[in-house]
């Protein structure tokens, strides 16, 4: 249980520390020859990355709590 909780928190910490790097790379990619819908979708990549990190950390933490019997199915 404790390992899953720590794993979830580490996932969140590493992911949030990488959000700045991902955002910088997205901005530099948009400075190239990207226009229209492709630019809009590229701009949303940071949001999708943050949502993925959040859901991965939440899933690992919930799995640990479920194994400990603290939350139900």
N, C-alpha and C. Protein backbone atom coordinates (compact mmCIF):
# COMPACT_ATOMS: atom_id res chain seq x y z
N UNK A 1 0.82 -1.18 0.00
CA UNK A 1 0.00 0.00 0.00
C UNK A 1 0.87 1.25 0.00
N UNK A 2 1.81 1.31 0.91
CA UNK A 2 2.66 2.49 1.01
C UNK A 2 3.49 2.69 -0.25
N UNK A 3 3.92 1.60 -0.86
CA UNK A 3 4.69 1.69 -2.10
C UNK A 3 3.88 2.29 -3.22
N UNK A 4 2.60 1.91 -3.30
CA UNK A 4 1.74 2.48 -4.34
C UNK A 4 1.47 3.96 -4.10
N UNK A 5 1.29 4.34 -2.84
CA UNK A 5 1.07 5.75 -2.54
C UNK A 5 2.31 6.58 -2.88
N UNK A 6 3.47 6.08 -2.50
CA UNK A 6 4.71 6.79 -2.82
C UNK A 6 4.92 6.83 -4.33
N UNK A 7 4.62 5.74 -5.02
CA UNK A 7 4.73 5.72 -6.48
C UNK A 7 3.82 6.74 -7.13
N UNK A 8 2.61 6.87 -6.62
CA UNK A 8 1.68 7.87 -7.15
C UNK A 8 2.19 9.29 -6.95
N UNK A 9 2.72 9.55 -5.76
CA UNK A 9 3.24 10.88 -5.49
C UNK A 9 4.49 11.18 -6.32
N UNK A 10 5.34 10.19 -6.51
CA UNK A 10 6.54 10.39 -7.34
C UNK A 10 6.13 10.66 -8.78
N UNK A 11 5.11 9.94 -9.26
CA UNK A 11 4.62 10.18 -10.62
C UNK A 11 4.14 11.61 -10.77
N UNK A 12 3.41 12.09 -9.79
CA UNK A 12 2.89 13.46 -9.85
C UNK A 12 4.03 14.47 -9.77
N UNK A 13 5.00 14.24 -8.90
CA UNK A 13 6.11 15.18 -8.74
C UNK A 13 6.96 15.25 -10.01
N UNK A 14 7.31 14.09 -10.56
CA UNK A 14 8.13 14.08 -11.79
C UNK A 14 7.35 14.70 -12.95
N UNK A 15 6.09 14.37 -13.05
CA UNK A 15 5.27 14.92 -14.14
C UNK A 15 5.14 16.42 -14.05
N UNK A 16 4.90 16.94 -12.85
CA UNK A 16 4.76 18.39 -12.72
C UNK A 16 6.08 19.11 -12.95
N UNK A 17 7.18 18.46 -12.63
CA UNK A 17 8.46 19.10 -12.90
C UNK A 17 8.77 19.12 -14.40
N UNK A 18 8.17 18.24 -15.16
CA UNK A 18 8.40 18.21 -16.61
C UNK A 18 7.42 19.07 -17.40
N UNK A 19 6.38 19.57 -16.75
CA UNK A 19 5.39 20.37 -17.48
C UNK A 19 6.01 21.62 -18.09
N UNK A 20 6.91 22.27 -17.37
CA UNK A 20 7.57 23.46 -17.91
C UNK A 20 8.37 23.16 -19.16
N UNK A 21 9.09 22.05 -19.15
CA UNK A 21 9.88 21.65 -20.32
C UNK A 21 8.98 21.34 -21.50
N UNK A 22 7.89 20.62 -21.23
CA UNK A 22 6.95 20.29 -22.31
C UNK A 22 6.33 21.57 -22.88
N UNK A 23 5.95 22.49 -22.01
CA UNK A 23 5.34 23.74 -22.48
C UNK A 23 6.33 24.55 -23.32
N UNK A 24 7.60 24.60 -22.90
CA UNK A 24 8.60 25.32 -23.68
C UNK A 24 8.79 24.70 -25.06
N UNK A 25 8.81 23.38 -25.13
CA UNK A 25 8.96 22.71 -26.42
C UNK A 25 7.75 22.93 -27.32
N UNK A 26 6.57 23.00 -26.72
CA UNK A 26 5.36 23.25 -27.50
C UNK A 26 5.41 24.65 -28.10
N UNK A 27 5.84 25.63 -27.31
CA UNK A 27 5.93 27.00 -27.80
C UNK A 27 6.95 27.10 -28.94
N UNK A 28 8.08 26.43 -28.77
CA UNK A 28 9.08 26.48 -29.84
C UNK A 28 8.60 25.73 -31.09
N UNK A 29 7.80 24.71 -30.91
CA UNK A 29 7.26 23.99 -32.08
C UNK A 29 6.21 24.85 -32.79
N UNK A 30 5.44 25.62 -32.03
CA UNK A 30 4.44 26.49 -32.65
C UNK A 30 5.07 27.67 -33.37
N UNK A 31 6.31 28.00 -33.02
CA UNK A 31 6.99 29.11 -33.69
C UNK A 31 7.38 28.73 -35.12
N UNK A 32 7.38 27.44 -35.41
CA UNK A 32 7.71 26.98 -36.76
C UNK A 32 6.54 27.19 -37.70
N UNK A 33 6.49 26.43 -38.75
CA UNK A 33 5.47 26.58 -39.78
C UNK A 33 4.25 25.73 -39.44
N UNK A 34 3.57 26.06 -38.33
CA UNK A 34 2.37 25.34 -37.90
C UNK A 34 1.25 26.35 -37.79
N UNK A 35 0.16 26.11 -38.51
CA UNK A 35 -0.96 27.06 -38.50
C UNK A 35 -2.26 26.30 -38.37
N UNK A 36 -3.32 27.03 -38.10
CA UNK A 36 -4.67 26.50 -38.10
C UNK A 36 -4.94 25.50 -37.01
N UNK A 37 -5.62 24.43 -37.38
CA UNK A 37 -6.04 23.42 -36.42
C UNK A 37 -4.85 22.69 -35.81
N UNK A 38 -3.80 22.51 -36.59
CA UNK A 38 -2.61 21.84 -36.07
C UNK A 38 -1.99 22.64 -34.93
N UNK A 39 -1.99 23.95 -35.03
CA UNK A 39 -1.46 24.80 -33.98
C UNK A 39 -2.33 24.74 -32.73
N UNK A 40 -3.64 24.68 -32.92
CA UNK A 40 -4.55 24.58 -31.79
C UNK A 40 -4.37 23.27 -31.04
N UNK A 41 -4.29 22.18 -31.77
CA UNK A 41 -4.10 20.88 -31.15
C UNK A 41 -2.74 20.80 -30.48
N UNK A 42 -1.73 21.36 -31.11
CA UNK A 42 -0.40 21.39 -30.52
C UNK A 42 -0.40 22.20 -29.23
N UNK A 43 -1.18 23.27 -29.19
CA UNK A 43 -1.29 24.08 -27.98
C UNK A 43 -1.96 23.33 -26.83
N UNK A 44 -2.81 22.38 -27.16
CA UNK A 44 -3.50 21.60 -26.12
C UNK A 44 -2.67 20.43 -25.60
N UNK A 45 -1.51 20.20 -26.18
CA UNK A 45 -0.67 19.08 -25.78
C UNK A 45 -0.25 19.19 -24.31
N UNK A 46 0.04 20.39 -23.84
CA UNK A 46 0.42 20.57 -22.43
C UNK A 46 -0.73 20.18 -21.52
N UNK A 47 -1.94 20.54 -21.90
CA UNK A 47 -3.11 20.16 -21.10
C UNK A 47 -3.28 18.65 -21.06
N UNK A 48 -3.13 18.00 -22.22
CA UNK A 48 -3.26 16.54 -22.25
C UNK A 48 -2.16 15.87 -21.44
N UNK A 49 -0.96 16.42 -21.47
CA UNK A 49 0.14 15.88 -20.68
C UNK A 49 -0.17 16.00 -19.19
N UNK A 50 -0.67 17.15 -18.77
CA UNK A 50 -1.01 17.35 -17.36
C UNK A 50 -2.14 16.42 -16.92
N UNK A 51 -3.13 16.23 -17.79
CA UNK A 51 -4.23 15.33 -17.45
C UNK A 51 -3.75 13.88 -17.37
N UNK A 52 -2.83 13.50 -18.23
CA UNK A 52 -2.27 12.16 -18.18
C UNK A 52 -1.48 11.91 -16.92
N UNK A 53 -0.68 12.88 -16.50
CA UNK A 53 0.08 12.75 -15.26
C UNK A 53 -0.87 12.65 -14.07
N UNK A 54 -1.90 13.48 -14.07
CA UNK A 54 -2.87 13.46 -12.98
C UNK A 54 -3.59 12.12 -12.90
N UNK A 55 -4.03 11.61 -14.04
CA UNK A 55 -4.77 10.36 -14.02
C UNK A 55 -3.87 9.17 -13.67
N UNK A 56 -2.61 9.20 -14.10
CA UNK A 56 -1.69 8.12 -13.75
C UNK A 56 -1.41 8.11 -12.26
N UNK A 57 -1.14 9.27 -11.69
CA UNK A 57 -0.91 9.35 -10.24
C UNK A 57 -2.13 8.96 -9.45
N UNK A 58 -3.30 9.39 -9.89
CA UNK A 58 -4.53 9.05 -9.20
C UNK A 58 -4.82 7.55 -9.28
N UNK A 59 -4.57 6.94 -10.42
CA UNK A 59 -4.81 5.51 -10.58
C UNK A 59 -3.89 4.68 -9.69
N UNK A 60 -2.62 5.05 -9.63
CA UNK A 60 -1.67 4.31 -8.80
C UNK A 60 -2.03 4.47 -7.33
N UNK A 61 -2.41 5.67 -6.91
CA UNK A 61 -2.79 5.92 -5.52
C UNK A 61 -4.09 5.17 -5.18
N UNK A 62 -5.06 5.20 -6.07
CA UNK A 62 -6.32 4.50 -5.81
C UNK A 62 -6.12 3.00 -5.74
N UNK A 63 -5.22 2.48 -6.55
CA UNK A 63 -4.92 1.04 -6.50
C UNK A 63 -4.31 0.66 -5.15
N UNK A 64 -3.44 1.51 -4.62
CA UNK A 64 -2.85 1.24 -3.31
C UNK A 64 -3.88 1.31 -2.21
N UNK A 65 -4.77 2.29 -2.27
CA UNK A 65 -5.82 2.41 -1.26
C UNK A 65 -6.82 1.26 -1.35
N UNK A 66 -7.11 0.82 -2.57
CA UNK A 66 -8.02 -0.31 -2.74
C UNK A 66 -7.41 -1.59 -2.19
N UNK A 67 -6.10 -1.77 -2.38
CA UNK A 67 -5.43 -2.96 -1.87
C UNK A 67 -5.42 -2.96 -0.35
N UNK A 68 -5.41 -1.79 0.24
CA UNK A 68 -5.42 -1.69 1.71
C UNK A 68 -6.84 -1.76 2.26
N UNK A 69 -7.84 -1.75 1.40
CA UNK A 69 -9.22 -1.84 1.85
C UNK A 69 -9.79 -0.51 2.32
N UNK A 70 -9.15 0.58 1.97
CA UNK A 70 -9.62 1.89 2.42
C UNK A 70 -10.69 2.47 1.52
N UNK A 71 -10.75 2.04 0.26
CA UNK A 71 -11.82 2.44 -0.64
C UNK A 71 -12.40 1.19 -1.27
N UNK A 72 -13.67 1.25 -1.61
CA UNK A 72 -14.33 0.10 -2.22
C UNK A 72 -14.17 0.10 -3.71
N UNK A 73 -14.78 -0.87 -4.34
CA UNK A 73 -14.71 -0.96 -5.79
C UNK A 73 -15.69 -0.01 -6.33
